[in-house]
Amino acid sequence: MAVPITLLFSACSGNSEKAAPKAPAPPPEAVTGNAAFFPMYAAARGGWAVDLQPLRLLSIHLPQVKAAPGKAGAWQATFVSASPLRLRSYTYSVIEAEGNLHQGVFAGNDESWAGPRAPVQPFLVAALKKDSDFAYDVALKNGNRAEEYVKAHPDMTVTFLLEQNKRFPQLTWRVIWGETVGTSNYSVFVDATTGVYLETMH
């Protein structure tokens, strides 16, 4: 009887050691502007130009990624270097997607830059103290009838634009209901340093 008992024990032991099926990977989650910006800034500073300054940060809506207040599936940051007058854009995406979007940080082409004469000026990284989700909450609570607008347009894409333009002396988040500034009829400016509500555009 010793042989059959040993074989039986070995068979049971082998079954118990089989690997459990792997749980499915969680769906990709949208990220805030700051979470995407700083990895892009580090990559640009380390691999492109030490004297660079950020010019703009823009959210990119991805239908494959579930929307979340103040967050996006992808972001694009534009940096400039004053000494050779060059410009370069980087993207950060949580997934591989159309439009040359790659998961993580991806560097775009190096282009010429006309210098700081345009309406949008380079800004200091130290000025970016408030994140996009904070800006969204401020816009929702302080924008002229913002909550009413959101209820009337529950499925509208919300776009986030960070830049320092001539409209305000400080760095601002612009919370835009719509895909672009040109196609939107409702947006709210929020100070990116203090988090103070600035203005509502209709």
N, C-alpha and C. Protein backbone atom coordinates (compact mmCIF):
# COMPACT_ATOMS: atom_id res chain seq x y z
N MET A 1 0.82 -1.22 0.00
CA MET A 1 0.00 0.00 0.00
C MET A 1 0.86 1.27 0.00
N ALA A 2 2.16 1.11 0.32
CA ALA A 2 2.99 2.31 0.44
C ALA A 2 3.13 3.04 -0.88
N VAL A 3 3.23 2.32 -1.99
CA VAL A 3 3.42 2.96 -3.29
C VAL A 3 2.19 3.75 -3.73
N PRO A 4 1.00 3.18 -3.70
CA PRO A 4 -0.20 3.95 -4.10
C PRO A 4 -0.40 5.20 -3.26
N ILE A 5 -0.15 5.10 -1.93
CA ILE A 5 -0.35 6.25 -1.06
C ILE A 5 0.61 7.37 -1.44
N THR A 6 1.86 7.02 -1.75
CA THR A 6 2.85 8.02 -2.15
C THR A 6 2.46 8.71 -3.44
N LEU A 7 2.00 7.91 -4.42
CA LEU A 7 1.59 8.49 -5.69
C LEU A 7 0.40 9.43 -5.52
N LEU A 8 -0.54 9.03 -4.66
CA LEU A 8 -1.71 9.86 -4.43
C LEU A 8 -1.31 11.19 -3.81
N PHE A 9 -0.37 11.11 -2.83
CA PHE A 9 0.09 12.33 -2.18
C PHE A 9 0.78 13.27 -3.17
N SER A 10 1.59 12.70 -4.06
CA SER A 10 2.29 13.50 -5.05
C SER A 10 1.32 14.18 -6.00
N ALA A 11 0.25 13.47 -6.40
CA ALA A 11 -0.73 14.04 -7.32
C ALA A 11 -1.45 15.21 -6.68
N CYS A 12 -1.83 15.05 -5.42
CA CYS A 12 -2.54 16.14 -4.73
C CYS A 12 -1.63 17.35 -4.56
N SER A 13 -0.36 17.08 -4.24
CA SER A 13 0.59 18.17 -4.05
C SER A 13 0.78 18.95 -5.34
N GLY A 14 0.84 18.25 -6.47
CA GLY A 14 1.03 18.91 -7.76
C GLY A 14 -0.14 19.80 -8.11
N ASN A 15 -1.36 19.39 -7.82
CA ASN A 15 -2.54 20.19 -8.12
C ASN A 15 -2.58 21.47 -7.30
N SER A 16 -2.13 21.37 -6.04
CA SER A 16 -2.20 22.55 -5.17
C SER A 16 -1.18 23.60 -5.56
N GLU A 17 -0.11 23.18 -6.27
CA GLU A 17 0.94 24.11 -6.65
C GLU A 17 0.66 24.83 -7.96
N LYS A 18 -0.43 24.51 -8.64
CA LYS A 18 -0.76 25.18 -9.89
C LYS A 18 -1.02 26.66 -9.63
N ALA A 19 -0.48 27.51 -10.48
CA ALA A 19 -0.62 28.96 -10.29
C ALA A 19 -2.07 29.39 -10.48
N ALA A 20 -2.50 30.26 -9.60
CA ALA A 20 -3.85 30.80 -9.72
C ALA A 20 -3.92 31.71 -10.93
N PRO A 21 -5.06 31.77 -11.61
CA PRO A 21 -5.18 32.64 -12.78
C PRO A 21 -4.94 34.11 -12.40
N LYS A 22 -4.24 34.82 -13.27
CA LYS A 22 -3.92 36.22 -13.00
C LYS A 22 -5.17 37.09 -13.10
N ALA A 23 -5.28 38.01 -12.18
CA ALA A 23 -6.40 38.96 -12.23
C ALA A 23 -6.20 39.90 -13.41
N PRO A 24 -7.27 40.31 -14.08
CA PRO A 24 -7.13 41.24 -15.21
C PRO A 24 -6.54 42.56 -14.76
N ALA A 25 -5.74 43.15 -15.63
CA ALA A 25 -5.11 44.44 -15.30
C ALA A 25 -6.17 45.51 -15.12
N PRO A 26 -6.01 46.38 -14.15
CA PRO A 26 -6.99 47.45 -13.94
C PRO A 26 -7.02 48.38 -15.14
N PRO A 27 -8.18 48.98 -15.43
CA PRO A 27 -8.25 49.90 -16.57
C PRO A 27 -7.37 51.12 -16.32
N PRO A 28 -6.82 51.73 -17.38
CA PRO A 28 -5.98 52.92 -17.20
C PRO A 28 -6.78 54.07 -16.61
N GLU A 29 -6.14 54.82 -15.74
CA GLU A 29 -6.81 55.93 -15.07
C GLU A 29 -6.24 57.27 -15.55
N ALA A 30 -7.11 58.25 -15.69
CA ALA A 30 -6.69 59.60 -16.07
C ALA A 30 -5.83 60.20 -14.96
N VAL A 31 -4.98 61.17 -15.32
CA VAL A 31 -4.08 61.79 -14.34
C VAL A 31 -4.24 63.30 -14.38
N THR A 32 -3.81 63.95 -13.32
CA THR A 32 -3.88 65.41 -13.25
C THR A 32 -2.78 66.04 -14.10
N GLY A 33 -2.88 67.33 -14.30
CA GLY A 33 -1.88 68.04 -15.08
C GLY A 33 -0.49 67.98 -14.46
N ASN A 34 -0.41 68.19 -13.15
CA ASN A 34 0.90 68.16 -12.49
C ASN A 34 1.54 66.78 -12.56
N ALA A 35 0.73 65.74 -12.43
CA ALA A 35 1.26 64.37 -12.48
C ALA A 35 1.88 64.07 -13.84
N ALA A 36 1.37 64.69 -14.89
CA ALA A 36 1.92 64.50 -16.23
C ALA A 36 3.03 65.49 -16.53
N PHE A 37 2.90 66.71 -16.02
CA PHE A 37 3.85 67.77 -16.36
C PHE A 37 5.26 67.50 -15.85
N PHE A 38 5.38 67.13 -14.58
CA PHE A 38 6.72 67.03 -13.99
C PHE A 38 7.57 65.91 -14.59
N PRO A 39 7.02 64.74 -14.96
CA PRO A 39 7.85 63.78 -15.70
C PRO A 39 8.29 64.29 -17.07
N MET A 40 7.43 65.05 -17.73
CA MET A 40 7.81 65.64 -19.03
C MET A 40 8.89 66.69 -18.83
N TYR A 41 8.75 67.50 -17.80
CA TYR A 41 9.74 68.53 -17.51
C TYR A 41 11.10 67.90 -17.21
N ALA A 42 11.12 66.85 -16.42
CA ALA A 42 12.37 66.17 -16.09
C ALA A 42 13.01 65.58 -17.34
N ALA A 43 12.20 64.98 -18.21
CA ALA A 43 12.74 64.38 -19.43
C ALA A 43 13.31 65.45 -20.37
N ALA A 44 12.61 66.57 -20.50
CA ALA A 44 13.06 67.65 -21.38
C ALA A 44 14.34 68.29 -20.84
N ARG A 45 14.38 68.51 -19.55
CA ARG A 45 15.55 69.13 -18.95
C ARG A 45 16.77 68.21 -19.01
N GLY A 46 16.53 66.93 -18.85
CA GLY A 46 17.64 65.98 -18.86
C GLY A 46 18.10 65.57 -20.24
N GLY A 47 17.19 65.63 -21.22
CA GLY A 47 17.54 65.13 -22.54
C GLY A 47 17.50 66.13 -23.66
N TRP A 48 17.12 67.38 -23.36
CA TRP A 48 17.02 68.35 -24.45
C TRP A 48 17.78 69.64 -24.15
N ALA A 49 17.30 70.43 -23.18
CA ALA A 49 17.94 71.72 -22.90
C ALA A 49 17.87 72.03 -21.41
N VAL A 50 19.00 72.37 -20.83
CA VAL A 50 19.06 72.68 -19.39
C VAL A 50 18.38 74.01 -19.09
N ASP A 51 18.43 74.95 -20.03
CA ASP A 51 17.88 76.29 -19.79
C ASP A 51 16.42 76.41 -20.20
N LEU A 52 15.76 75.30 -20.42
CA LEU A 52 14.38 75.36 -20.94
C LEU A 52 13.42 76.01 -19.95
N GLN A 53 12.32 76.52 -20.49
CA GLN A 53 11.20 77.01 -19.70
C GLN A 53 9.91 76.47 -20.30
N PRO A 54 8.94 76.13 -19.47
CA PRO A 54 7.66 75.67 -20.01
C PRO A 54 6.87 76.83 -20.61
N LEU A 55 6.18 76.54 -21.68
CA LEU A 55 5.37 77.55 -22.36
C LEU A 55 3.88 77.26 -22.21
N ARG A 56 3.52 75.97 -22.24
CA ARG A 56 2.10 75.62 -22.24
C ARG A 56 1.92 74.17 -21.81
N LEU A 57 0.80 73.89 -21.16
CA LEU A 57 0.39 72.52 -20.85
C LEU A 57 -1.06 72.37 -21.23
N LEU A 58 -1.38 71.34 -22.02
CA LEU A 58 -2.73 71.17 -22.55
C LEU A 58 -3.18 69.73 -22.36
N SER A 59 -4.39 69.54 -21.87
CA SER A 59 -4.93 68.19 -21.72
C SER A 59 -5.40 67.65 -23.06
N ILE A 60 -5.36 66.33 -23.21
CA ILE A 60 -5.82 65.65 -24.42
C ILE A 60 -6.85 64.61 -24.02
N HIS A 61 -8.04 64.75 -24.55
CA HIS A 61 -9.11 63.81 -24.22
C HIS A 61 -8.92 62.50 -24.97
N LEU A 62 -8.99 61.38 -24.25
CA LEU A 62 -8.92 60.05 -24.86
C LEU A 62 -10.21 59.30 -24.56
N PRO A 63 -10.99 58.95 -25.58
CA PRO A 63 -12.26 58.25 -25.34
C PRO A 63 -12.08 56.91 -24.61
N GLN A 64 -10.89 56.29 -24.75
CA GLN A 64 -10.65 54.98 -24.14
C GLN A 64 -10.43 55.07 -22.63
N VAL A 65 -10.17 56.26 -22.12
CA VAL A 65 -9.87 56.45 -20.70
C VAL A 65 -11.06 57.13 -20.02
N LYS A 66 -11.52 56.55 -18.94
CA LYS A 66 -12.68 57.09 -18.23
C LYS A 66 -12.39 58.49 -17.72
N ALA A 67 -13.31 59.39 -17.98
CA ALA A 67 -13.14 60.78 -17.56
C ALA A 67 -13.20 60.89 -16.04
N ALA A 68 -12.45 61.84 -15.51
CA ALA A 68 -12.46 62.14 -14.07
C ALA A 68 -12.29 63.64 -13.91
N PRO A 69 -12.95 64.25 -12.92
CA PRO A 69 -12.86 65.71 -12.75
C PRO A 69 -11.41 66.19 -12.59
N GLY A 70 -11.01 67.11 -13.44
CA GLY A 70 -9.67 67.68 -13.34
C GLY A 70 -8.56 66.81 -13.87
N LYS A 71 -8.90 65.74 -14.57
CA LYS A 71 -7.88 64.81 -15.06
C LYS A 71 -8.09 64.51 -16.54
N ALA A 72 -7.06 63.92 -17.17
CA ALA A 72 -7.14 63.56 -18.59
C ALA A 72 -6.28 62.34 -18.84
N GLY A 73 -6.58 61.64 -19.93
CA GLY A 73 -5.81 60.45 -20.28
C GLY A 73 -4.46 60.77 -20.85
N ALA A 74 -4.30 61.98 -21.40
CA ALA A 74 -3.01 62.39 -21.98
C ALA A 74 -2.86 63.90 -21.85
N TRP A 75 -1.60 64.34 -21.85
CA TRP A 75 -1.28 65.77 -21.76
C TRP A 75 -0.13 66.09 -22.70
N GLN A 76 -0.10 67.32 -23.18
CA GLN A 76 1.02 67.80 -24.00
C GLN A 76 1.63 69.04 -23.36
N ALA A 77 2.94 69.00 -23.14
CA ALA A 77 3.67 70.15 -22.61
C ALA A 77 4.60 70.69 -23.68
N THR A 78 4.64 72.01 -23.82
CA THR A 78 5.53 72.67 -24.78
C THR A 78 6.58 73.44 -24.00
N PHE A 79 7.85 73.20 -24.36
CA PHE A 79 8.97 73.87 -23.70
C PHE A 79 9.75 74.69 -24.72
N VAL A 80 10.39 75.75 -24.25
CA VAL A 80 11.21 76.57 -25.13
C VAL A 80 12.59 76.75 -24.51
N SER A 81 13.57 76.94 -25.38
CA SER A 81 14.94 77.23 -24.95
C SER A 81 15.34 78.56 -25.57
N ALA A 82 15.68 79.53 -24.72
CA ALA A 82 15.93 80.89 -25.20
C ALA A 82 17.25 81.04 -25.95
N SER A 83 18.28 80.30 -25.54
CA SER A 83 19.59 80.51 -26.15
C SER A 83 19.63 80.15 -27.63
N PRO A 84 19.10 78.98 -28.05
CA PRO A 84 19.08 78.72 -29.50
C PRO A 84 17.74 79.04 -30.15
N LEU A 85 16.79 79.61 -29.35
CA LEU A 85 15.44 79.90 -29.84
C LEU A 85 14.81 78.66 -30.46
N ARG A 86 14.68 77.63 -29.63
CA ARG A 86 14.08 76.37 -30.09
C ARG A 86 12.88 76.03 -29.21
N LEU A 87 12.02 75.21 -29.76
CA LEU A 87 10.78 74.79 -29.10
C LEU A 87 10.63 73.28 -29.27
N ARG A 88 10.12 72.62 -28.23
CA ARG A 88 9.89 71.19 -28.33
C ARG A 88 8.71 70.79 -27.47
N SER A 89 7.86 69.94 -28.01
CA SER A 89 6.70 69.46 -27.27
C SER A 89 6.91 68.02 -26.82
N TYR A 90 6.38 67.72 -25.65
CA TYR A 90 6.41 66.36 -25.10
C TYR A 90 4.99 65.94 -24.77
N THR A 91 4.72 64.65 -24.82
CA THR A 91 3.41 64.15 -24.43
C THR A 91 3.57 63.13 -23.32
N TYR A 92 2.52 63.04 -22.51
CA TYR A 92 2.44 62.02 -21.47
C TYR A 92 1.07 61.37 -21.63
N SER A 93 1.05 60.07 -21.82
CA SER A 93 -0.21 59.36 -22.00
C SER A 93 -0.24 58.11 -21.12
N VAL A 94 -1.43 57.76 -20.65
CA VAL A 94 -1.54 56.55 -19.83
C VAL A 94 -1.70 55.29 -20.69
N ILE A 95 -1.90 55.48 -22.01
CA ILE A 95 -2.03 54.35 -22.93
C ILE A 95 -1.41 54.70 -24.28
N GLU A 96 -1.21 53.68 -25.10
CA GLU A 96 -0.86 53.91 -26.50
C GLU A 96 -2.14 54.33 -27.23
N ALA A 97 -2.08 55.38 -28.01
CA ALA A 97 -3.29 55.88 -28.66
C ALA A 97 -2.94 56.54 -29.99
N GLU A 98 -3.98 56.82 -30.77
CA GLU A 98 -3.79 57.50 -32.05
C GLU A 98 -3.27 58.91 -31.82
N GLY A 99 -2.74 59.49 -32.90
CA GLY A 99 -2.19 60.83 -32.79
C GLY A 99 -0.77 60.84 -32.27
N ASN A 100 -0.05 59.74 -32.49
CA ASN A 100 1.35 59.62 -32.05
C ASN A 100 1.49 59.74 -30.54
N LEU A 101 0.52 59.20 -29.82
CA LEU A 101 0.58 59.18 -28.36
C LEU A 101 1.10 57.83 -27.89
N HIS A 102 2.10 57.88 -27.02
CA HIS A 102 2.71 56.66 -26.51
C HIS A 102 2.64 56.66 -24.99
N GLN A 103 2.53 55.48 -24.43
CA GLN A 103 2.41 55.38 -22.98
C GLN A 103 3.66 55.95 -22.30
N GLY A 104 3.43 56.79 -21.30
CA GLY A 104 4.54 57.45 -20.63
C GLY A 104 4.93 58.73 -21.33
N VAL A 105 6.17 59.15 -21.16
CA VAL A 105 6.67 60.39 -21.75
C VAL A 105 7.23 60.12 -23.14
N PHE A 106 6.87 60.98 -24.09
CA PHE A 106 7.37 60.85 -25.46
C PHE A 106 7.74 62.22 -25.99
N ALA A 107 8.94 62.34 -26.57
CA ALA A 107 9.44 63.63 -27.07
C ALA A 107 9.02 63.85 -28.51
N GLY A 108 8.58 65.07 -28.82
CA GLY A 108 8.23 65.44 -30.18
C GLY A 108 9.43 66.03 -30.90
N ASN A 109 9.18 66.67 -32.01
CA ASN A 109 10.25 67.24 -32.83
C ASN A 109 10.74 68.57 -32.28
N ASP A 110 12.00 68.84 -32.51
CA ASP A 110 12.62 70.12 -32.17
C ASP A 110 12.29 71.13 -33.27
N GLU A 111 11.74 72.29 -32.90
CA GLU A 111 11.33 73.28 -33.89
C GLU A 111 11.91 74.65 -33.54
N SER A 112 11.85 75.57 -34.50
CA SER A 112 12.29 76.94 -34.24
C SER A 112 11.24 77.68 -33.42
N TRP A 113 11.68 78.70 -32.67
CA TRP A 113 10.79 79.49 -31.81
C TRP A 113 11.09 80.96 -32.03
N ALA A 114 10.05 81.78 -32.17
CA ALA A 114 10.21 83.19 -32.47
C ALA A 114 10.64 84.02 -31.27
N GLY A 115 10.63 83.41 -30.09
CA GLY A 115 11.01 84.15 -28.89
C GLY A 115 9.81 84.64 -28.11
N PRO A 116 10.03 85.28 -26.96
CA PRO A 116 8.94 85.66 -26.05
C PRO A 116 8.17 86.92 -26.47
N ARG A 117 7.91 87.05 -27.75
CA ARG A 117 7.13 88.21 -28.22
C ARG A 117 5.66 87.86 -28.44
N ALA A 118 5.36 86.59 -28.38
CA ALA A 118 3.98 86.15 -28.62
C ALA A 118 3.09 86.48 -27.41
N PRO A 119 1.78 86.40 -27.58
CA PRO A 119 0.87 86.67 -26.44
C PRO A 119 1.10 85.75 -25.26
N VAL A 120 1.58 84.52 -25.52
CA VAL A 120 1.84 83.57 -24.45
C VAL A 120 3.32 83.60 -24.11
N GLN A 121 3.63 83.75 -22.83
CA GLN A 121 5.01 83.87 -22.37
C GLN A 121 5.45 82.60 -21.62
N PRO A 122 6.74 82.27 -21.65
CA PRO A 122 7.24 81.16 -20.82
C PRO A 122 7.00 81.48 -19.35
N PHE A 123 6.84 80.43 -18.56
CA PHE A 123 6.58 80.65 -17.13
C PHE A 123 7.58 79.87 -16.27
N LEU A 124 7.65 80.26 -15.01
CA LEU A 124 8.53 79.61 -14.05
C LEU A 124 7.83 78.38 -13.47
N VAL A 125 8.56 77.29 -13.36
CA VAL A 125 7.97 76.07 -12.81
C VAL A 125 7.49 76.29 -11.38
N ALA A 126 8.20 77.12 -10.64
CA ALA A 126 7.83 77.40 -9.24
C ALA A 126 6.45 78.04 -9.12
N ALA A 127 5.95 78.63 -10.20
CA ALA A 127 4.63 79.26 -10.16
C ALA A 127 3.50 78.25 -10.19
N LEU A 128 3.79 77.03 -10.61
CA LEU A 128 2.75 76.01 -10.71
C LEU A 128 2.58 75.32 -9.36
N LYS A 129 1.68 75.83 -8.57
CA LYS A 129 1.44 75.30 -7.23
C LYS A 129 0.09 74.59 -7.10
N LYS A 130 -0.86 74.94 -7.95
CA LYS A 130 -2.18 74.32 -7.88
C LYS A 130 -2.37 73.39 -9.08
N ASP A 131 -2.94 72.23 -8.82
CA ASP A 131 -3.11 71.22 -9.86
C ASP A 131 -4.43 71.43 -10.61
N SER A 132 -4.57 70.69 -11.70
CA SER A 132 -5.75 70.84 -12.56
C SER A 132 -7.05 70.42 -11.86
N ASP A 133 -6.99 69.42 -11.00
CA ASP A 133 -8.22 69.02 -10.30
C ASP A 133 -8.66 70.09 -9.30
N PHE A 134 -7.69 70.76 -8.70
CA PHE A 134 -8.01 71.89 -7.81
C PHE A 134 -8.64 73.02 -8.61
N ALA A 135 -8.06 73.31 -9.78
CA ALA A 135 -8.59 74.38 -10.63
C ALA A 135 -10.02 74.06 -11.07
N TYR A 136 -10.28 72.79 -11.35
CA TYR A 136 -11.64 72.40 -11.76
C TYR A 136 -12.64 72.67 -10.63
N ASP A 137 -12.27 72.30 -9.41
CA ASP A 137 -13.17 72.53 -8.27
C ASP A 137 -13.45 74.02 -8.08
N VAL A 138 -12.41 74.84 -8.21
CA VAL A 138 -12.58 76.28 -8.06
C VAL A 138 -13.49 76.83 -9.16
N ALA A 139 -13.27 76.37 -10.39
CA ALA A 139 -14.09 76.83 -11.51
C ALA A 139 -15.55 76.44 -11.32
N LEU A 140 -15.75 75.24 -10.82
CA LEU A 140 -17.12 74.75 -10.64
C LEU A 140 -17.86 75.54 -9.56
N LYS A 141 -17.14 75.90 -8.51
CA LYS A 141 -17.77 76.59 -7.38
C LYS A 141 -17.89 78.10 -7.59
N ASN A 142 -16.97 78.67 -8.36
CA ASN A 142 -16.92 80.13 -8.46
C ASN A 142 -17.29 80.69 -9.83
N GLY A 143 -17.24 79.85 -10.85
CA GLY A 143 -17.59 80.33 -12.18
C GLY A 143 -19.04 80.76 -12.25
N ASN A 144 -19.32 81.74 -13.07
CA ASN A 144 -20.67 82.27 -13.20
C ASN A 144 -21.61 81.18 -13.73
N ARG A 145 -22.44 80.63 -12.83
CA ARG A 145 -23.40 79.58 -13.16
C ARG A 145 -22.72 78.33 -13.73
N ALA A 146 -21.54 78.01 -13.24
CA ALA A 146 -20.80 76.86 -13.75
C ALA A 146 -21.54 75.55 -13.50
N GLU A 147 -22.06 75.39 -12.29
CA GLU A 147 -22.77 74.14 -11.97
C GLU A 147 -23.99 73.95 -12.86
N GLU A 148 -24.69 75.05 -13.15
CA GLU A 148 -25.84 74.97 -14.05
C GLU A 148 -25.39 74.55 -15.45
N TYR A 149 -24.27 75.09 -15.89
CA TYR A 149 -23.76 74.76 -17.22
C TYR A 149 -23.37 73.28 -17.31
N VAL A 150 -22.74 72.79 -16.26
CA VAL A 150 -22.34 71.38 -16.23
C VAL A 150 -23.57 70.46 -16.27
N LYS A 151 -24.58 70.80 -15.51
CA LYS A 151 -25.80 69.98 -15.50
C LYS A 151 -26.48 69.99 -16.86
N ALA A 152 -26.39 71.11 -17.57
CA ALA A 152 -27.01 71.21 -18.90
C ALA A 152 -26.18 70.52 -19.96
N HIS A 153 -24.88 70.31 -19.69
CA HIS A 153 -23.98 69.66 -20.67
C HIS A 153 -23.17 68.57 -19.96
N PRO A 154 -23.83 67.52 -19.47
CA PRO A 154 -23.15 66.52 -18.65
C PRO A 154 -22.09 65.70 -19.39
N ASP A 155 -22.20 65.56 -20.70
CA ASP A 155 -21.27 64.73 -21.45
C ASP A 155 -20.20 65.55 -22.20
N MET A 156 -20.16 66.83 -21.96
CA MET A 156 -19.19 67.67 -22.68
C MET A 156 -17.77 67.44 -22.16
N THR A 157 -16.82 67.36 -23.08
CA THR A 157 -15.41 67.23 -22.72
C THR A 157 -14.93 68.50 -22.03
N VAL A 158 -14.15 68.34 -20.97
CA VAL A 158 -13.55 69.48 -20.28
C VAL A 158 -12.05 69.47 -20.58
N THR A 159 -11.55 70.57 -21.12
CA THR A 159 -10.14 70.70 -21.50
C THR A 159 -9.45 71.65 -20.54
N PHE A 160 -8.18 71.37 -20.26
CA PHE A 160 -7.41 72.19 -19.33
C PHE A 160 -6.21 72.79 -20.05
N LEU A 161 -6.03 74.09 -19.91
CA LEU A 161 -4.92 74.80 -20.54
C LEU A 161 -4.19 75.61 -19.48
N LEU A 162 -2.88 75.34 -19.36
CA LEU A 162 -2.04 76.07 -18.42
C LEU A 162 -1.08 76.94 -19.21
N GLU A 163 -1.13 78.26 -18.98
CA GLU A 163 -0.22 79.16 -19.67
C GLU A 163 -0.23 80.53 -19.00
N GLN A 164 0.74 81.34 -19.36
CA GLN A 164 0.81 82.71 -18.88
C GLN A 164 0.64 83.63 -20.08
N ASN A 165 -0.57 84.15 -20.23
CA ASN A 165 -0.85 85.02 -21.37
C ASN A 165 -1.01 86.46 -20.91
N LYS A 166 -1.18 87.36 -21.86
CA LYS A 166 -1.21 88.79 -21.54
C LYS A 166 -2.50 89.22 -20.84
N ARG A 167 -3.46 88.32 -20.76
CA ARG A 167 -4.72 88.68 -20.12
C ARG A 167 -4.53 88.86 -18.61
N PHE A 168 -3.62 88.03 -18.04
CA PHE A 168 -3.35 88.11 -16.61
C PHE A 168 -1.83 88.15 -16.39
N PRO A 169 -1.37 88.80 -15.34
CA PRO A 169 0.08 88.86 -15.09
C PRO A 169 0.64 87.57 -14.52
N GLN A 170 -0.23 86.66 -14.06
CA GLN A 170 0.23 85.44 -13.42
C GLN A 170 -0.12 84.20 -14.26
N LEU A 171 0.48 83.09 -13.87
CA LEU A 171 0.21 81.81 -14.52
C LEU A 171 -1.23 81.38 -14.22
N THR A 172 -1.93 80.90 -15.24
CA THR A 172 -3.34 80.53 -15.04
C THR A 172 -3.67 79.16 -15.61
N TRP A 173 -4.61 78.53 -14.94
CA TRP A 173 -5.32 77.40 -15.52
C TRP A 173 -6.57 77.95 -16.19
N ARG A 174 -6.85 77.46 -17.40
CA ARG A 174 -8.12 77.79 -18.04
C ARG A 174 -8.91 76.50 -18.17
N VAL A 175 -10.01 76.42 -17.46
CA VAL A 175 -10.88 75.24 -17.49
C VAL A 175 -11.91 75.48 -18.59
N ILE A 176 -11.84 74.67 -19.63
CA ILE A 176 -12.61 74.92 -20.85
C ILE A 176 -13.64 73.81 -21.06
N TRP A 177 -14.89 74.18 -21.14
CA TRP A 177 -15.91 73.20 -21.49
C TRP A 177 -15.98 73.14 -23.02
N GLY A 178 -15.41 72.07 -23.57
CA GLY A 178 -15.30 71.93 -25.01
C GLY A 178 -13.92 71.39 -25.37
N GLU A 179 -13.74 71.02 -26.63
CA GLU A 179 -12.47 70.44 -27.08
C GLU A 179 -11.36 71.48 -27.23
N THR A 180 -11.72 72.72 -27.62
CA THR A 180 -10.73 73.77 -27.84
C THR A 180 -11.27 75.11 -27.35
N VAL A 181 -10.37 76.08 -27.22
CA VAL A 181 -10.78 77.43 -26.84
C VAL A 181 -11.70 78.02 -27.90
N GLY A 182 -11.37 77.79 -29.18
CA GLY A 182 -12.15 78.37 -30.26
C GLY A 182 -13.56 77.84 -30.38
N THR A 183 -13.78 76.59 -29.96
CA THR A 183 -15.12 76.00 -30.08
C THR A 183 -15.92 76.05 -28.78
N SER A 184 -15.31 76.57 -27.72
CA SER A 184 -15.99 76.61 -26.43
C SER A 184 -16.74 77.91 -26.24
N ASN A 185 -17.88 77.83 -25.56
CA ASN A 185 -18.61 79.05 -25.22
C ASN A 185 -18.69 79.24 -23.71
N TYR A 186 -17.85 78.46 -22.98
CA TYR A 186 -17.82 78.62 -21.53
C TYR A 186 -16.47 78.14 -21.00
N SER A 187 -15.74 79.02 -20.32
CA SER A 187 -14.47 78.64 -19.70
C SER A 187 -14.21 79.54 -18.50
N VAL A 188 -13.34 79.05 -17.61
CA VAL A 188 -13.07 79.75 -16.36
C VAL A 188 -11.56 79.82 -16.14
N PHE A 189 -11.06 81.01 -15.78
CA PHE A 189 -9.64 81.20 -15.45
C PHE A 189 -9.45 81.08 -13.94
N VAL A 190 -8.40 80.33 -13.56
CA VAL A 190 -8.04 80.16 -12.16
C VAL A 190 -6.54 80.39 -12.00
N ASP A 191 -6.15 81.13 -10.98
CA ASP A 191 -4.73 81.38 -10.72
C ASP A 191 -4.04 80.06 -10.37
N ALA A 192 -2.99 79.71 -11.12
CA ALA A 192 -2.32 78.43 -10.91
C ALA A 192 -1.37 78.46 -9.71
N THR A 193 -1.12 79.62 -9.16
CA THR A 193 -0.24 79.73 -7.99
C THR A 193 -1.04 79.77 -6.70
N THR A 194 -2.07 80.61 -6.66
CA THR A 194 -2.85 80.80 -5.43
C THR A 194 -4.15 80.00 -5.43
N GLY A 195 -4.64 79.61 -6.60
CA GLY A 195 -5.91 78.90 -6.68
C GLY A 195 -7.12 79.82 -6.66
N VAL A 196 -6.89 81.11 -6.81
CA VAL A 196 -7.99 82.09 -6.76
C VAL A 196 -8.73 82.14 -8.10
N TYR A 197 -10.05 82.21 -8.01
CA TYR A 197 -10.88 82.38 -9.22
C TYR A 197 -10.60 83.75 -9.83
N LEU A 198 -10.46 83.80 -11.16
CA LEU A 198 -10.14 85.06 -11.83
C LEU A 198 -11.27 85.60 -12.71
N GLU A 199 -11.75 84.77 -13.64
CA GLU A 199 -12.74 85.30 -14.59
C GLU A 199 -13.44 84.16 -15.30
N THR A 200 -14.68 84.42 -15.71
CA THR A 200 -15.46 83.46 -16.50
C THR A 200 -15.65 84.04 -17.90
N MET A 201 -15.41 83.22 -18.90
CA MET A 201 -15.57 83.63 -20.30
C MET A 201 -16.77 82.90 -20.89
N HIS A 202 -17.66 83.65 -21.56
CA HIS A 202 -18.84 83.07 -22.20
C HIS A 202 -18.69 83.15 -23.71
